[in-house]
C-alpha atoms as a PDB file:
ATOM      1  CA  MET A   1     102.139  78.230  80.359  1.00  0.00           C
ATOM      2  CA  SER A   2     101.817  78.162  76.607  1.00  0.00           C
ATOM      3  CA  GLU A   3     103.116  74.633  76.047  1.00  0.00           C
ATOM      4  CA  SER A   4     100.662  71.940  75.009  1.00  0.00           C
ATOM      5  CA  LEU A   5     100.160  68.784  77.055  1.00  0.00           C
ATOM      6  CA  ARG A   6     101.702  66.879  74.140  1.00  0.00           C
ATOM      7  CA  GLU A   7     104.891  68.979  74.314  1.00  0.00           C
ATOM      8  CA  LEU A   8     105.077  68.585  78.092  1.00  0.00           C
ATOM      9  CA  SER A   9     104.509  64.833  77.801  1.00  0.00           C
ATOM     10  CA  GLU A  10     107.260  64.481  75.217  1.00  0.00           C
ATOM     11  CA  ARG A  11     109.780  66.114  77.581  1.00  0.00           C
ATOM     12  CA  ALA A  12     108.699  64.068  80.609  1.00  0.00           C
ATOM     13  CA  THR A  13     109.846  60.547  81.461  1.00  0.00           C
ATOM     14  CA  PRO A  14     108.571  58.198  78.726  1.00  0.00           C
ATOM     15  CA  GLY A  15     106.471  55.085  79.213  1.00  0.00           C
ATOM     16  CA  GLU A  16     103.642  54.221  81.553  1.00  0.00           C
ATOM     17  CA  TRP A  17     103.775  55.820  84.982  1.00  0.00           C
ATOM     18  CA  ASN A  18     102.590  54.265  88.215  1.00  0.00           C
ATOM     19  CA  ILE A  19     102.441  55.057  91.898  1.00  0.00           C
ATOM     20  CA  TYR A  20     104.795  53.296  94.271  1.00  0.00           C
ATOM     21  CA  VAL A  21     103.908  53.249  97.960  1.00  0.00           C
ATOM     22  CA  GLU A  22     106.198  51.916 100.638  1.00  0.00           C
ATOM     23  CA  ASN A  23     105.080  51.757 104.253  1.00  0.00           C
ATOM     24  CA  MET A  24     107.426  53.488 106.681  1.00  0.00           C
ATOM     25  CA  PRO A  25     107.467  52.655 110.386  1.00  0.00           C
ATOM     26  CA  ASP A  26     108.459  56.196 111.382  1.00  0.00           C
ATOM     27  CA  LEU A  27     109.563  59.610 110.150  1.00  0.00           C
ATOM     28  CA  SER A  28     113.249  58.739 110.419  1.00  0.00           C
ATOM     29  CA  SER A  29     112.794  55.786 108.051  1.00  0.00           C
ATOM     30  CA  ALA A  30     110.934  57.984 105.567  1.00  0.00           C
ATOM     31  CA  GLU A  31     113.722  60.565 105.674  1.00  0.00           C
ATOM     32  CA  SER A  32     116.342  57.864 105.108  1.00  0.00           C
ATOM     33  CA  GLU A  33     114.405  56.478 102.139  1.00  0.00           C
ATOM     34  CA  ALA A  34     114.123  59.950 100.580  1.00  0.00           C
ATOM     35  CA  VAL A  35     117.875  60.459 100.986  1.00  0.00           C
ATOM     36  CA  MET A  36     118.567  57.101  99.302  1.00  0.00           C
ATOM     37  CA  LEU A  37     116.271  57.936  96.380  1.00  0.00           C
ATOM     38  CA  ILE A  38     118.008  61.258  95.861  1.00  0.00           C
ATOM     39  CA  ARG A  39     121.491  59.786  96.318  1.00  0.00           C
ATOM     40  CA  ASP A  40     120.776  57.048  93.753  1.00  0.00           C
ATOM     41  CA  THR A  41     119.474  59.478  91.113  1.00  0.00           C
ATOM     42  CA  PRO A  42     121.077  58.787  87.752  1.00  0.00           C
ATOM     43  CA  GLU A  43     122.219  61.920  85.981  1.00  0.00           C
ATOM     44  CA  PHE A  44     121.911  64.198  89.020  1.00  0.00           C
ATOM     45  CA  SER A  45     120.825  67.607  87.724  1.00  0.00           C
ATOM     46  CA  GLY A  46     121.919  69.714  90.695  1.00  0.00           C
ATOM     47  CA  ARG A  47     118.298  70.669  91.399  1.00  0.00           C
ATOM     48  CA  MET A  48     115.535  69.160  93.536  1.00  0.00           C
ATOM     49  CA  VAL A  49     112.094  69.609  91.993  1.00  0.00           C
ATOM     50  CA  MET A  50     108.916  69.642  94.066  1.00  0.00           C
ATOM     51  CA  VAL A  51     105.278  70.169  93.139  1.00  0.00           C
ATOM     52  CA  ASN A  52     103.712  72.892  95.278  1.00  0.00           C
ATOM     53  CA  ALA A  53     100.039  73.008  96.221  1.00  0.00           C
ATOM     54  CA  GLY A  54      98.886  75.693  98.590  1.00  0.00           C
ATOM     55  CA  GLY A  55     102.228  75.865 100.350  1.00  0.00           C
ATOM     56  CA  SER A  56     102.607  72.125 100.872  1.00  0.00           C
ATOM     57  CA  CYS A  57     104.630  69.646  98.845  1.00  0.00           C
ATOM     58  CA  PRO A  58     102.377  66.810  97.652  1.00  0.00           C
ATOM     59  CA  ALA A  59     105.070  65.477  95.316  1.00  0.00           C
ATOM     60  CA  LEU A  60     108.835  65.444  95.005  1.00  0.00           C
ATOM     61  CA  THR A  61     109.671  64.573  91.420  1.00  0.00           C
ATOM     62  CA  GLY A  62     113.368  64.143  92.077  1.00  0.00           C
ATOM     63  CA  CYS A  63     116.779  65.422  91.056  1.00  0.00           C
ATOM     64  CA  SER A  64     117.267  63.940  87.596  1.00  0.00           C
ATOM     65  CA  ALA A  65     117.329  65.652  84.246  1.00  0.00           C
ATOM     66  CA  LYS A  66     113.652  64.686  83.711  1.00  0.00           C
ATOM     67  CA  SER A  67     112.419  65.811  87.147  1.00  0.00           C
ATOM     68  CA  GLU A  68     111.454  69.342  86.161  1.00  0.00           C
ATOM     69  CA  ALA A  69     109.729  68.158  82.974  1.00  0.00           C
ATOM     70  CA  ASN A  70     107.784  65.595  85.017  1.00  0.00           C
ATOM     71  CA  ALA A  71     106.671  68.266  87.481  1.00  0.00           C
ATOM     72  CA  HIS A  72     105.532  70.597  84.686  1.00  0.00           C
ATOM     73  CA  PHE A  73     103.516  67.769  83.131  1.00  0.00           C
ATOM     74  CA  ILE A  74     101.835  66.837  86.441  1.00  0.00           C
ATOM     75  CA  VAL A  75     100.982  70.453  87.278  1.00  0.00           C
ATOM     76  CA  ALA A  76      99.653  71.159  83.773  1.00  0.00           C
ATOM     77  CA  LEU A  77      97.343  68.144  83.930  1.00  0.00           C
ATOM     78  CA  VAL A  78      96.023  68.992  87.394  1.00  0.00           C
ATOM     79  CA  ASN A  79      95.488  72.663  86.594  1.00  0.00           C
ATOM     80  CA  ALA A  80      93.868  71.961  83.204  1.00  0.00           C
ATOM     81  CA  TYR A  81      91.461  69.453  84.757  1.00  0.00           C
ATOM     82  CA  ARG A  82      90.515  71.763  87.608  1.00  0.00           C
ATOM     83  CA  ALA A  83      89.984  74.668  85.185  1.00  0.00           C
ATOM     84  CA  GLY A  84      87.581  72.525  83.142  1.00  0.00           C
ATOM     85  CA  ARG A  85      89.861  72.182  80.111  1.00  0.00           C
ATOM     86  CA  LEU A  86      90.002  68.379  80.466  1.00  0.00           C
ATOM     87  CA  HIS A  87      86.805  66.378  80.552  1.00  0.00           C
ATOM     88  CA  ASP A  88      85.949  63.592  82.946  1.00  0.00           C
ATOM     89  CA  ASP A  89      84.547  61.303  80.254  1.00  0.00           C
ATOM     90  CA  THR A  90      87.428  58.856  80.086  1.00  0.00           C
ATOM     91  CA  ALA A  91      87.674  55.942  82.497  1.00  0.00           C
ATOM     92  CA  LEU A  92      91.091  55.775  84.109  1.00  0.00           C
ATOM     93  CA  ALA A  93      92.677  52.512  85.120  1.00  0.00           C
END
């Protein structure tokens, strides 16, 4: 990918990102929650975007217009770090 991290960031969802975790009592509840998140997507894009890692899906970025841009940004950061193009000299909060 020839895009810079800055370009990818500018296309992704703006603002500070965080991780939201919700405990689920069982698989059925998790499936229902995923359906609700997809159903409530503003500006449904007609596509579901997932991050792939070794054949598994560690992240579903959603179905909105920004979902694909978010996935590209996440993947670029992970791959750049693992390839040694980002340095581990910055403390992360």
